[in-house]
Structures are given as C-alpha cells and as structure tokens.
Amino acid sequence: MIVTVPIKKQHKLAGEPRILSCGFLHMDSSEDLINAARDTVKRDLYCKGSVSSSQQHETVRETLRDFFYSETLSRPVILSNCVRV
C-alpha cells in the first residue's frame, strides 16, 4: 500500500490522503474498504494534532496496518509519504 498524505506547514492535514494498492487489493472492487481506510487515517491524524513528520509517518503506518489486519487478516507493506503543501 502506498499512502500519500498532504500536510500543511502547521503539521496538520491539508487534504484527502491518497491510498494506492499495489498487488494487495483490487482497487475497483475494494472502493469501500479504501474509503474506510482513508477516513481512519484522517481521524487518527486529526486526533494526534500537530506532531512531527516522523510521528505522522508512524501514525499512518500503524493506523493502516491495524485497519487492514482487522478487515482482511493480512498485513500489507505500507509506504507512507507525507507531502508538505
């Protein structure tokens, strides 16, 4: 899973996280699961507030790792990319 998260200078979420599955899920048939994962990432980043970029990367990885394990009983590799906008 590749996750791109736009972050403001104030270390807060600036838009919608983008989640791309590379060989883990079929994007066409798993739209609801991807949307739920996106909402979970947004919620967790909002709850953490303004934290450093390394903590944001870790939050995204942990959130998605736990989410996908609970939903699919699989642990995909998660690459997070927090982009400053």
Protein backbone atom coordinates (compact mmCIF):
# COMPACT_ATOMS: atom_id res chain seq x y z
CA MET A 1 0.00 0.00 0.00
CA ILE A 2 1.30 3.44 -0.91
CA VAL A 3 -0.20 6.32 1.05
CA THR A 4 0.32 9.97 0.17
CA VAL A 5 -0.81 12.46 2.80
CA PRO A 6 -0.80 16.24 2.14
CA ILE A 7 0.40 18.14 5.23
CA LYS A 8 0.34 21.90 5.90
CA LYS A 9 3.27 23.80 7.38
CA GLN A 10 1.50 23.65 10.76
CA HIS A 11 1.82 19.82 10.62
CA LYS A 12 -1.91 19.37 10.02
CA LEU A 13 -3.79 17.51 7.32
CA ALA A 14 -4.20 19.67 4.19
CA GLY A 15 -6.45 17.45 2.08
CA GLU A 16 -7.50 13.89 1.34
CA PRO A 17 -4.97 11.10 1.85
CA ARG A 18 -4.48 9.05 -1.32
CA ILE A 19 -4.20 5.29 -0.93
CA LEU A 20 -2.92 3.09 -3.75
CA SER A 21 -2.83 -0.68 -3.58
CA CYS A 22 -0.04 -2.44 -5.44
CA GLY A 23 -0.99 -6.11 -5.55
CA PHE A 24 -2.83 -6.26 -2.23
CA LEU A 25 -6.40 -5.23 -3.14
CA HIS A 26 -8.17 -4.75 -6.44
CA MET A 27 -8.92 -1.03 -6.43
CA ASP A 28 -12.12 -1.43 -8.48
CA SER A 29 -13.79 -3.93 -6.16
CA SER A 30 -12.43 -2.58 -2.86
CA GLU A 31 -13.52 1.05 -3.06
CA ASP A 32 -15.50 0.90 0.21
CA LEU A 33 -12.54 -0.61 2.07
CA ILE A 34 -10.15 2.03 0.69
CA ASN A 35 -12.57 4.83 1.65
CA ALA A 36 -12.89 3.44 5.18
CA ALA A 37 -9.09 3.25 5.43
CA ARG A 38 -8.80 6.86 4.23
CA ASP A 39 -11.33 8.01 6.84
CA THR A 40 -9.46 6.12 9.56
CA VAL A 41 -6.16 7.79 8.61
CA LYS A 42 -7.79 11.23 8.61
CA ARG A 43 -9.38 10.61 12.03
CA ASP A 44 -6.14 9.40 13.60
CA LEU A 45 -4.07 12.27 12.19
CA TYR A 46 -6.68 14.75 13.40
CA CYS A 47 -6.67 13.18 16.89
CA LYS A 48 -2.86 13.36 17.09
CA GLY A 49 -2.92 17.07 16.26
CA SER A 50 0.26 18.88 15.32
CA VAL A 51 3.11 16.37 15.56
CA SER A 52 6.46 15.97 13.81
CA SER A 53 6.70 14.45 10.35
CA SER A 54 8.30 11.25 11.66
CA GLN A 55 5.38 10.79 14.05
CA GLN A 56 2.94 11.41 11.19
CA HIS A 57 4.61 8.68 9.10
CA GLU A 58 4.43 6.29 12.03
CA THR A 59 0.79 7.16 12.74
CA VAL A 60 -0.18 6.46 9.12
CA ARG A 61 1.69 3.13 9.07
CA GLU A 62 0.29 1.94 12.41
CA THR A 63 -3.24 3.04 11.59
CA LEU A 64 -3.34 1.27 8.24
CA ARG A 65 -1.53 -1.80 9.50
CA ASP A 66 -4.09 -2.27 12.26
CA PHE A 67 -7.03 -1.38 10.00
CA PHE A 68 -6.14 -3.81 7.21
CA TYR A 69 -5.33 -6.59 9.66
CA SER A 70 -8.72 -6.21 11.35
CA GLU A 71 -10.53 -6.13 7.97
CA THR A 72 -8.57 -8.69 5.92
CA LEU A 73 -6.40 -10.64 8.41
CA SER A 74 -3.41 -9.68 6.23
CA ARG A 75 -0.50 -7.34 6.89
CA PRO A 76 0.43 -5.47 3.71
CA VAL A 77 3.62 -3.45 3.41
CA ILE A 78 2.69 0.19 3.96
CA LEU A 79 4.78 3.00 2.50
CA SER A 80 3.73 6.41 3.74
CA ASN A 81 4.62 9.67 2.07
CA CYS A 82 3.72 12.87 3.91
CA VAL A 83 3.98 15.75 1.44
CA ARG A 84 4.31 19.36 2.64
CA VAL A 85 1.98 21.71 0.80
